[in-house]
Amino acid sequence: MPSVERKPENIVQLIWPGRRSEQVTLDATGKSGGAGEIFSIDSKPGFVAKIYHATTSPAHLAQYRRKIQWMVDYKPALPQVPAEYQDIVQLAWPEALILRQSRFVGFAMQKIAFDRTLELDYLLNRRQAAQEGFDADYGKLVTVSFNLASIINCLHDNRIAIVDLKPMNVKVYKAALYVSILDCDGFHIATDEFRSDAPQVTPEYLAPEFQDKAVAHPEAQDSFALATIIFRLLNYGIHPFTGVASDHNNYPPELAGRIKQGLYPYGKVAHKSVRKVLASVHEAFPDSLRELFDRAFASSGYSRPSAREWVGALAIYASKHSGQMSPCSKGHLRFSGRPCPTCMRDELIHGAEVRRRSFLARVQTAPARTLKYVKKTLRQTHSSPFQAALAQAQFTLVQLAPPAPISTRNAIALEILWISGLLITYWWTR
């Protein structure tokens, strides 16, 4: 870790709960984000400091100070973890204010062991997860979903909402399967003593009622984002609003537009305007979870399941002793009494590979067909498919006029168009 010279600006005061003060020295880590830079703290190996960028306006810095002070004084109670996991950090919550020459510049928080964690984003792709040393199965994915819902439920009990909830802001402990939520200083707080908004959002995880609008109900927004993350975790990363449209002219190209129009194709009742993608395994989910997904995505925000409901629904599957997760004939964990989603996925991939090889074999014959086409054109012995079909439709013997000569350039152009159409058709069916 790079160390900076002990300049006066690196010497700061930590103000802990109860206003206890402690002088420490900061060391640069080279890591930074949109709001600030991360430093290690000399003599405090279990903590790091977030120092807001020098370009932060005094007004915004004053807002941050009021919010961080409240957060230091009112840390929420979180789900209990076993004694062997007491060093797990479930929230990157502010633990102390940081002052430099009596001026607020940031806060201290517990350090998350990045070598023991990975971004939740990696779990949406099994291959990436494996590269990070995480062997994903449905038992683990359900447990991660349960632990995430449990933290959000605790926050909501304290009238705190995340708002900008997305996989990039969540870390997963590889062995313990607990999660840690980052960027807590961006949370929405609405208590009797203090209120702070959270304007930052991500359109792909933003509820339809808040697309192009301010988030008026932060907990409802969290519920939508939580359901989206759980759906993606259990469905190999497929977003619940990714589908195949029946009418492509009116199908929004971006996820935000599909969310706004409610184009959710994975409900128990099929959507009229959009179909599921073939790679989805949502039909292997138990009915209890499918009903929650339908309420989250196919109904209004008022009936959307809360974090507490997700905790109740997932608890039985996250428990190793409930018997609700069992191995299939190939040893994959699945929801008991349901088809194995892993086997379903393997069959889909195998079918896609067979189609891919068949397509490539057809494409490889295209150059030979092109040469044959050109030779027949030069000899004026080539008939178009349209002319052949027309001849078959005649009930009387009619001598067709010889086809008009066609140039070599046009012949090659027609063959290129044929190959392009084949490529487009293959891509679209994928």
Protein backbone atom coordinates (compact mmCIF):
# COMPACT_ATOMS: atom_id res chain seq x y z
CA MET A 1 0.00 0.00 0.00
CA PRO A 2 1.52 3.34 -1.00
CA SER A 3 2.31 5.69 1.85
CA VAL A 4 2.24 9.46 1.65
CA GLU A 5 4.52 11.88 3.38
CA ARG A 6 3.34 12.94 6.83
CA LYS A 7 2.04 16.31 5.71
CA PRO A 8 -0.26 18.37 7.91
CA GLU A 9 -3.24 17.57 5.68
CA ASN A 10 -2.74 13.85 6.39
CA ILE A 11 -3.12 14.37 10.14
CA VAL A 12 -6.81 14.40 11.09
CA GLN A 13 -9.12 14.05 14.05
CA LEU A 14 -11.56 11.20 14.44
CA ILE A 15 -14.73 12.16 16.34
CA TRP A 16 -16.32 8.99 17.68
CA PRO A 17 -19.83 8.60 19.18
CA GLY A 18 -20.00 10.49 22.44
CA ARG A 19 -17.68 13.13 20.88
CA ARG A 20 -14.50 11.30 21.87
CA SER A 21 -11.64 12.67 19.77
CA GLU A 22 -8.56 10.86 18.46
CA GLN A 23 -5.70 12.09 16.25
CA VAL A 24 -4.61 9.75 13.43
CA THR A 25 -2.65 9.84 10.19
CA LEU A 26 -4.07 8.87 6.81
CA ASP A 27 -2.28 6.89 4.10
CA ALA A 28 -3.39 6.98 0.48
CA THR A 29 -4.68 3.75 -1.10
CA GLY A 30 -5.07 5.03 -4.64
CA LYS A 31 -8.79 4.16 -4.61
CA SER A 32 -11.48 6.74 -5.20
CA GLY A 33 -15.09 7.06 -6.27
CA GLY A 34 -17.52 9.68 -7.43
CA ALA A 35 -17.77 11.43 -4.06
CA GLY A 36 -14.43 10.86 -2.36
CA GLU A 37 -11.12 9.07 -1.96
CA ILE A 38 -10.34 6.10 0.31
CA PHE A 39 -7.43 6.19 2.80
CA SER A 40 -6.11 3.71 5.30
CA ILE A 41 -5.74 4.89 8.90
CA ASP A 42 -2.47 4.49 10.79
CA SER A 43 -2.95 2.56 14.04
CA LYS A 44 -6.51 1.58 12.92
CA PRO A 45 -6.08 -1.43 10.60
CA GLY A 46 -9.75 -2.36 10.93
CA PHE A 47 -10.93 0.99 9.57
CA VAL A 48 -10.61 3.11 6.44
CA ALA A 49 -11.40 6.76 5.78
CA LYS A 50 -13.51 8.29 3.04
CA ILE A 51 -12.38 11.85 2.34
CA TYR A 52 -14.67 13.89 0.13
CA HIS A 53 -13.12 15.42 -2.96
CA ALA A 54 -11.67 18.92 -2.56
CA THR A 55 -14.05 20.08 -5.29
CA THR A 56 -17.08 19.39 -3.07
CA SER A 57 -18.92 22.66 -2.52
CA PRO A 58 -19.20 24.05 1.04
CA ALA A 59 -22.98 23.67 0.89
CA HIS A 60 -22.77 20.00 -0.02
CA LEU A 61 -20.05 19.44 2.57
CA ALA A 62 -22.31 20.95 5.22
CA GLN A 63 -25.11 18.59 4.16
CA TYR A 64 -22.74 15.64 4.36
CA ARG A 65 -21.64 16.65 7.85
CA ARG A 66 -25.20 16.78 9.19
CA LYS A 67 -25.99 13.42 7.64
CA ILE A 68 -22.79 11.70 8.79
CA GLN A 69 -23.22 13.05 12.31
CA TRP A 70 -26.71 11.54 12.49
CA MET A 71 -25.46 8.23 11.08
CA VAL A 72 -22.60 8.05 13.60
CA ASP A 73 -25.07 8.61 16.42
CA TYR A 74 -27.77 6.22 15.16
CA LYS A 75 -26.25 3.07 13.71
CA PRO A 76 -29.08 0.60 12.98
CA ALA A 77 -29.26 -2.87 14.46
CA LEU A 78 -28.41 -5.49 11.85
CA PRO A 79 -29.08 -9.24 11.47
CA GLN A 80 -27.03 -11.24 13.93
CA VAL A 81 -24.17 -13.34 12.58
CA PRO A 82 -22.56 -16.42 14.20
CA ALA A 83 -19.62 -15.90 16.54
CA GLU A 84 -17.14 -17.22 13.97
CA TYR A 85 -18.17 -14.44 11.58
CA GLN A 86 -18.01 -11.50 13.96
CA ASP A 87 -15.47 -9.73 11.72
CA ILE A 88 -17.97 -9.53 8.87
CA VAL A 89 -18.99 -5.99 7.95
CA GLN A 90 -22.59 -5.90 6.75
CA LEU A 91 -22.72 -2.14 6.17
CA ALA A 92 -19.97 0.34 5.28
CA TRP A 93 -21.62 2.60 7.87
CA PRO A 94 -19.98 5.81 9.13
CA GLU A 95 -18.43 5.17 12.56
CA ALA A 96 -16.69 8.52 13.17
CA LEU A 97 -16.49 11.99 11.67
CA ILE A 98 -13.14 13.14 10.30
CA LEU A 99 -12.01 16.73 10.85
CA ARG A 100 -8.96 18.40 9.38
CA GLN A 101 -8.04 21.55 11.28
CA SER A 102 -11.57 21.60 12.74
CA ARG A 103 -13.13 21.36 9.27
CA PHE A 104 -15.27 18.36 8.32
CA VAL A 105 -13.73 16.40 5.42
CA GLY A 106 -15.13 12.85 5.64
CA PHE A 107 -15.76 9.85 7.85
CA ALA A 108 -14.26 6.58 9.08
CA MET A 109 -15.89 3.20 8.50
CA GLN A 110 -15.06 -0.42 9.15
CA LYS A 111 -12.80 -2.01 6.55
CA ILE A 112 -14.27 -4.67 4.32
CA ALA A 113 -11.89 -7.53 3.51
CA PHE A 114 -11.94 -7.36 -0.28
CA ASP A 115 -9.78 -10.49 -0.53
CA ARG A 116 -12.61 -12.47 1.10
CA THR A 117 -15.40 -10.90 -0.90
CA LEU A 118 -16.49 -10.35 -4.47
CA GLU A 119 -18.96 -8.01 -6.11
CA LEU A 120 -22.47 -9.39 -6.26
CA ASP A 121 -22.31 -8.47 -9.96
CA TYR A 122 -19.98 -11.46 -10.49
CA LEU A 123 -22.66 -13.89 -9.26
CA LEU A 124 -24.83 -12.95 -12.24
CA ASN A 125 -22.34 -14.80 -14.45
CA ARG A 126 -21.34 -18.26 -13.23
CA ARG A 127 -18.10 -18.24 -15.23
CA GLN A 128 -16.99 -14.93 -13.71
CA ALA A 129 -17.91 -16.17 -10.24
CA ALA A 130 -15.78 -19.29 -10.76
CA GLN A 131 -12.84 -17.14 -11.86
CA GLU A 132 -13.18 -15.27 -8.57
CA GLY A 133 -13.10 -18.52 -6.60
CA PHE A 134 -16.86 -18.80 -6.00
CA ASP A 135 -18.61 -22.03 -7.01
CA ALA A 136 -22.19 -20.82 -7.36
CA ASP A 137 -25.11 -23.17 -6.75
CA TYR A 138 -28.75 -22.51 -5.98
CA GLY A 139 -28.30 -23.09 -2.26
CA LYS A 140 -25.67 -20.34 -2.10
CA LEU A 141 -27.60 -17.96 -4.34
CA VAL A 142 -30.77 -18.28 -2.28
CA THR A 143 -28.75 -17.69 0.91
CA VAL A 144 -27.13 -14.55 -0.54
CA SER A 145 -30.60 -13.31 -1.57
CA PHE A 146 -31.94 -13.98 1.94
CA ASN A 147 -29.04 -12.16 3.61
CA LEU A 148 -29.44 -9.14 1.34
CA ALA A 149 -33.18 -8.96 2.00
CA SER A 150 -32.52 -9.26 5.77
CA ILE A 151 -30.23 -6.21 5.82
CA ILE A 152 -32.67 -4.12 3.77
CA ASN A 153 -35.49 -5.15 6.10
CA CYS A 154 -33.49 -3.92 9.11
CA LEU A 155 -32.80 -0.61 7.37
CA HIS A 156 -36.49 -0.14 6.55
CA ASP A 157 -37.38 -0.86 10.19
CA ASN A 158 -35.24 2.18 11.02
CA ARG A 159 -36.82 4.30 8.23
CA ILE A 160 -33.66 4.15 6.14
CA ALA A 161 -33.70 3.25 2.44
CA ILE A 162 -30.86 2.59 0.00
CA VAL A 163 -32.63 3.90 -3.17
CA ASP A 164 -29.64 3.31 -5.50
CA LEU A 165 -29.54 -0.41 -4.78
CA LYS A 166 -27.63 -2.33 -7.46
CA PRO A 167 -25.20 -5.29 -7.63
CA MET A 168 -22.13 -3.04 -7.96
CA ASN A 169 -22.82 -1.61 -4.49
CA VAL A 170 -22.98 -5.00 -2.78
CA LYS A 171 -20.11 -7.26 -1.72
CA VAL A 172 -20.56 -10.97 -0.97
CA TYR A 173 -18.37 -12.93 1.45
CA LYS A 174 -17.31 -16.00 -0.52
CA ALA A 175 -17.27 -18.47 2.38
CA ALA A 176 -19.89 -17.09 4.78
CA LEU A 177 -22.36 -15.84 2.09
CA TYR A 178 -23.16 -12.71 4.09
CA VAL A 179 -23.31 -9.45 2.17
CA SER A 180 -21.94 -5.97 2.72
CA ILE A 181 -23.59 -2.86 1.29
CA LEU A 182 -21.37 0.05 0.24
CA ASP A 183 -21.90 3.81 -0.16
CA CYS A 184 -24.04 4.13 2.93
CA ASP A 185 -23.58 7.91 2.99
CA GLY A 186 -25.90 8.00 -0.04
CA PHE A 187 -28.85 6.38 1.78
CA HIS A 188 -32.23 8.05 2.22
CA ILE A 189 -33.11 8.82 5.86
CA ALA A 190 -36.57 9.91 7.02
CA THR A 191 -36.84 9.84 10.82
CA ASP A 192 -38.51 12.21 13.24
CA GLU A 193 -35.11 13.71 14.11
CA PHE A 194 -33.50 13.89 10.67
CA ARG A 195 -34.25 13.71 6.96
CA SER A 196 -31.88 13.36 4.01
CA ASP A 197 -32.77 12.59 0.40
CA ALA A 198 -30.96 10.23 -1.96
CA PRO A 199 -31.10 11.60 -5.52
CA GLN A 200 -28.72 9.05 -7.08
CA VAL A 201 -30.50 6.27 -9.06
CA THR A 202 -29.69 3.62 -11.68
CA PRO A 203 -32.37 3.32 -14.42
CA GLU A 204 -32.00 -0.47 -14.84
CA TYR A 205 -33.02 -0.93 -11.18
CA LEU A 206 -35.50 1.94 -10.94
CA ALA A 207 -39.18 1.15 -10.40
CA PRO A 208 -41.55 2.06 -13.26
CA GLU A 209 -43.38 4.70 -11.24
CA PHE A 210 -40.10 6.58 -10.70
CA GLN A 211 -38.71 6.45 -14.23
CA ASP A 212 -38.12 10.10 -15.25
CA LYS A 213 -39.40 11.20 -11.82
CA ALA A 214 -38.09 11.79 -8.32
CA VAL A 215 -38.28 8.76 -6.00
CA ALA A 216 -41.29 9.62 -3.86
CA HIS A 217 -41.39 6.32 -1.94
CA PRO A 218 -37.83 5.13 -1.24
CA GLU A 219 -38.82 1.84 0.41
CA ALA A 220 -40.96 0.90 -2.60
CA GLN A 221 -37.97 1.64 -4.81
CA ASP A 222 -35.77 -0.62 -2.67
CA SER A 223 -38.37 -3.38 -2.96
CA PHE A 224 -38.29 -3.17 -6.77
CA ALA A 225 -34.49 -3.17 -6.93
CA LEU A 226 -34.27 -6.05 -4.43
CA ALA A 227 -36.70 -8.17 -6.46
CA THR A 228 -34.72 -7.39 -9.63
CA ILE A 229 -31.45 -8.50 -8.03
CA ILE A 230 -32.97 -11.71 -6.63
CA PHE A 231 -34.51 -12.54 -10.02
CA ARG A 232 -31.17 -12.05 -11.75
CA LEU A 233 -29.31 -14.11 -9.12
CA LEU A 234 -31.66 -17.06 -9.60
CA ASN A 235 -32.00 -16.73 -13.38
CA TYR A 236 -28.38 -16.65 -14.57
CA GLY A 237 -28.20 -12.87 -14.74
CA ILE A 238 -31.27 -12.39 -16.96
CA HIS A 239 -32.95 -9.07 -16.17
CA PRO A 240 -36.71 -9.43 -15.54
CA PHE A 241 -37.41 -6.93 -18.31
CA THR A 242 -35.26 -8.60 -20.96
CA GLY A 243 -37.46 -10.28 -23.54
CA VAL A 244 -38.41 -10.78 -27.17
CA ALA A 245 -41.04 -8.34 -28.40
CA SER A 246 -44.02 -9.31 -30.53
CA ASP A 247 -44.05 -5.85 -32.12
CA HIS A 248 -40.47 -4.65 -32.57
CA ASN A 249 -41.56 -1.23 -33.77
CA ASN A 250 -42.79 -0.27 -30.30
CA TYR A 251 -40.26 -2.17 -28.20
CA PRO A 252 -37.95 0.18 -26.25
CA PRO A 253 -34.28 -0.59 -26.91
CA GLU A 254 -33.21 0.20 -23.34
CA LEU A 255 -34.23 -1.55 -20.12
CA ALA A 256 -35.49 1.66 -18.53
CA GLY A 257 -38.11 2.07 -21.27
CA ARG A 258 -39.26 -1.55 -20.90
CA ILE A 259 -39.54 -1.15 -17.13
CA LYS A 260 -41.61 2.01 -17.58
CA GLN A 261 -44.03 0.18 -19.90
CA GLY A 262 -44.21 -2.91 -17.67
CA LEU A 263 -42.89 -5.29 -20.34
CA TYR A 264 -42.27 -8.22 -17.98
CA PRO A 265 -42.43 -11.56 -19.86
CA TYR A 266 -41.81 -14.06 -17.02
CA GLY A 267 -45.15 -13.96 -15.23
CA LYS A 268 -47.37 -16.96 -14.58
CA VAL A 269 -49.75 -15.33 -17.06
CA ALA A 270 -48.02 -14.63 -20.38
CA HIS A 271 -47.58 -11.02 -21.47
CA LYS A 272 -49.32 -10.12 -24.74
CA SER A 273 -46.58 -7.89 -26.10
CA VAL A 274 -43.33 -9.58 -25.09
CA ARG A 275 -42.04 -13.14 -24.79
CA LYS A 276 -39.43 -14.67 -22.48
CA VAL A 277 -35.87 -15.25 -23.67
CA LEU A 278 -35.20 -18.92 -24.35
CA ALA A 279 -32.35 -19.11 -21.83
CA SER A 280 -34.59 -18.32 -18.84
CA VAL A 281 -35.10 -20.99 -16.14
CA HIS A 282 -37.77 -19.12 -14.16
CA GLU A 283 -40.25 -21.97 -14.65
CA ALA A 284 -38.10 -24.04 -12.26
CA PHE A 285 -38.78 -21.59 -9.40
CA PRO A 286 -41.37 -22.55 -6.76
CA ASP A 287 -44.80 -20.94 -7.08
CA SER A 288 -44.28 -18.93 -3.90
CA LEU A 289 -41.32 -17.09 -5.42
CA ARG A 290 -42.92 -16.72 -8.84
CA GLU A 291 -45.94 -15.05 -7.23
CA LEU A 292 -43.66 -12.58 -5.45
CA PHE A 293 -41.88 -11.79 -8.73
CA ASP A 294 -45.23 -11.24 -10.44
CA ARG A 295 -46.27 -8.82 -7.71
CA ALA A 296 -42.94 -7.03 -7.96
CA PHE A 297 -42.92 -6.59 -11.74
CA ALA A 298 -46.41 -7.12 -13.16
CA SER A 299 -48.47 -5.09 -10.70
CA SER A 300 -48.52 -1.60 -9.21
CA GLY A 301 -45.98 -0.50 -6.63
CA TYR A 302 -48.50 -0.69 -3.78
CA SER A 303 -48.72 -4.50 -3.98
CA ARG A 304 -44.98 -4.98 -4.47
CA PRO A 305 -43.52 -7.39 -1.87
CA SER A 306 -41.48 -5.74 0.86
CA ALA A 307 -38.05 -6.80 2.04
CA ARG A 308 -39.75 -8.42 5.04
CA GLU A 309 -41.85 -10.59 2.73
CA TRP A 310 -38.76 -11.67 0.82
CA VAL A 311 -37.07 -12.61 4.10
CA GLY A 312 -40.07 -14.78 5.03
CA ALA A 313 -40.26 -16.42 1.60
CA LEU A 314 -36.54 -17.13 1.23
CA ALA A 315 -35.83 -18.26 4.81
CA ILE A 316 -37.11 -21.81 4.24
CA TYR A 317 -34.91 -22.24 1.15
CA ALA A 318 -31.85 -20.67 2.80
CA SER A 319 -32.05 -23.13 5.70
CA LYS A 320 -29.99 -26.29 5.16
CA HIS A 321 -32.27 -28.23 7.49
CA SER A 322 -35.64 -27.43 5.90
CA GLY A 323 -35.37 -30.02 3.11
CA GLN A 324 -36.68 -27.46 0.60
CA MET A 325 -33.49 -27.63 -1.47
CA SER A 326 -32.51 -31.07 -2.72
CA PRO A 327 -30.10 -32.52 -5.29
CA CYS A 328 -31.28 -33.63 -8.71
CA SER A 329 -30.13 -36.89 -10.32
CA LYS A 330 -26.94 -35.13 -11.46
CA GLY A 331 -26.19 -33.66 -8.03
CA HIS A 332 -27.27 -30.06 -8.69
CA LEU A 333 -29.20 -28.30 -5.94
CA ARG A 334 -32.75 -27.41 -6.94
CA PHE A 335 -36.00 -26.35 -5.31
CA SER A 336 -37.56 -29.57 -4.02
CA GLY A 337 -40.35 -30.85 -6.23
CA ARG A 338 -39.34 -28.57 -9.12
CA PRO A 339 -37.30 -29.18 -12.29
CA CYS A 340 -33.57 -28.64 -11.91
CA PRO A 341 -32.71 -25.15 -13.22
CA THR A 342 -29.06 -26.11 -13.76
CA CYS A 343 -30.01 -29.07 -15.95
CA MET A 344 -32.53 -26.89 -17.80
CA ARG A 345 -29.80 -24.36 -18.48
CA ASP A 346 -27.35 -27.04 -19.65
CA GLU A 347 -29.93 -28.39 -22.10
CA LEU A 348 -30.60 -24.90 -23.45
CA ILE A 349 -26.90 -24.28 -23.94
CA HIS A 350 -26.45 -27.64 -25.66
CA GLY A 351 -29.34 -26.90 -28.02
CA ALA A 352 -27.91 -23.49 -28.83
CA GLU A 353 -24.51 -25.06 -29.57
CA VAL A 354 -26.08 -27.57 -31.95
CA ARG A 355 -27.87 -24.74 -33.78
CA ARG A 356 -24.65 -22.72 -33.89
CA ARG A 357 -22.68 -25.57 -35.49
CA SER A 358 -25.43 -26.18 -38.01
CA PHE A 359 -25.45 -22.51 -38.93
CA LEU A 360 -21.68 -22.36 -39.30
CA ALA A 361 -21.77 -25.41 -41.58
CA ARG A 362 -24.30 -23.65 -43.79
CA VAL A 363 -22.27 -20.45 -43.85
CA GLN A 364 -19.11 -22.35 -44.80
CA THR A 365 -20.86 -23.61 -47.96
CA ALA A 366 -21.75 -20.06 -49.00
CA PRO A 367 -18.53 -19.33 -50.99
CA ALA A 368 -19.07 -22.46 -53.11
CA ARG A 369 -22.69 -21.53 -53.71
CA THR A 370 -21.65 -18.03 -54.68
CA LEU A 371 -19.16 -19.32 -57.27
CA LYS A 372 -21.77 -21.70 -58.70
CA TYR A 373 -24.27 -18.84 -58.86
CA VAL A 374 -21.83 -16.63 -60.77
CA LYS A 375 -20.94 -19.39 -63.27
CA LYS A 376 -24.59 -20.09 -64.03
CA THR A 377 -25.22 -16.39 -64.48
CA LEU A 378 -22.34 -16.05 -66.91
CA ARG A 379 -23.76 -18.98 -68.91
CA GLN A 380 -27.27 -17.48 -68.65
CA THR A 381 -28.54 -20.81 -67.27
CA HIS A 382 -29.53 -19.45 -63.82
CA SER A 383 -33.22 -19.14 -62.86
CA SER A 384 -34.31 -17.24 -59.76
CA PRO A 385 -36.25 -19.04 -56.98
CA PHE A 386 -39.25 -16.87 -57.86
CA GLN A 387 -39.22 -18.08 -61.48
CA ALA A 388 -38.94 -21.71 -60.35
CA ALA A 389 -41.92 -21.37 -58.02
CA LEU A 390 -43.92 -19.66 -60.74
CA ALA A 391 -43.23 -22.49 -63.16
CA GLN A 392 -44.46 -25.08 -60.67
CA ALA A 393 -47.73 -23.18 -60.28
CA GLN A 394 -48.64 -23.37 -63.97
CA PHE A 395 -51.27 -25.91 -64.92
CA THR A 396 -50.62 -25.51 -68.61
CA LEU A 397 -47.38 -25.94 -70.39
CA VAL A 398 -46.12 -22.48 -70.99
CA GLN A 399 -42.68 -21.78 -72.31
CA LEU A 400 -41.14 -19.24 -69.97
CA ALA A 401 -39.20 -16.46 -71.54
CA PRO A 402 -35.48 -16.83 -70.92
CA PRO A 403 -34.32 -14.86 -67.91
CA ALA A 404 -32.86 -11.48 -68.55
CA PRO A 405 -29.09 -11.40 -68.32
CA ILE A 406 -27.79 -10.38 -64.89
CA SER A 407 -24.41 -8.89 -64.24
CA THR A 408 -21.75 -10.66 -62.20
CA ARG A 409 -21.73 -7.77 -59.73
CA ASN A 410 -25.48 -8.07 -59.15
CA ALA A 411 -25.20 -11.82 -58.74
CA ILE A 412 -22.57 -11.47 -56.05
CA ALA A 413 -24.60 -8.73 -54.36
CA LEU A 414 -27.66 -10.99 -54.22
CA GLU A 415 -25.62 -13.77 -52.62
CA ILE A 416 -24.19 -11.35 -50.05
CA LEU A 417 -27.72 -10.25 -49.19
CA TRP A 418 -28.72 -13.89 -48.74
CA ILE A 419 -25.82 -14.53 -46.36
CA SER A 420 -26.57 -11.30 -44.44
CA GLY A 421 -30.19 -12.34 -44.02
CA LEU A 422 -29.09 -15.70 -42.68
CA LEU A 423 -26.78 -14.04 -40.17
CA ILE A 424 -29.50 -11.63 -39.01
CA THR A 425 -31.98 -14.50 -38.62
CA TYR A 426 -29.51 -16.48 -36.52
CA TRP A 427 -28.73 -13.49 -34.31
CA TRP A 428 -32.41 -12.71 -33.78
CA THR A 429 -33.32 -16.28 -32.83
CA ARG A 430 -30.49 -16.26 -30.30
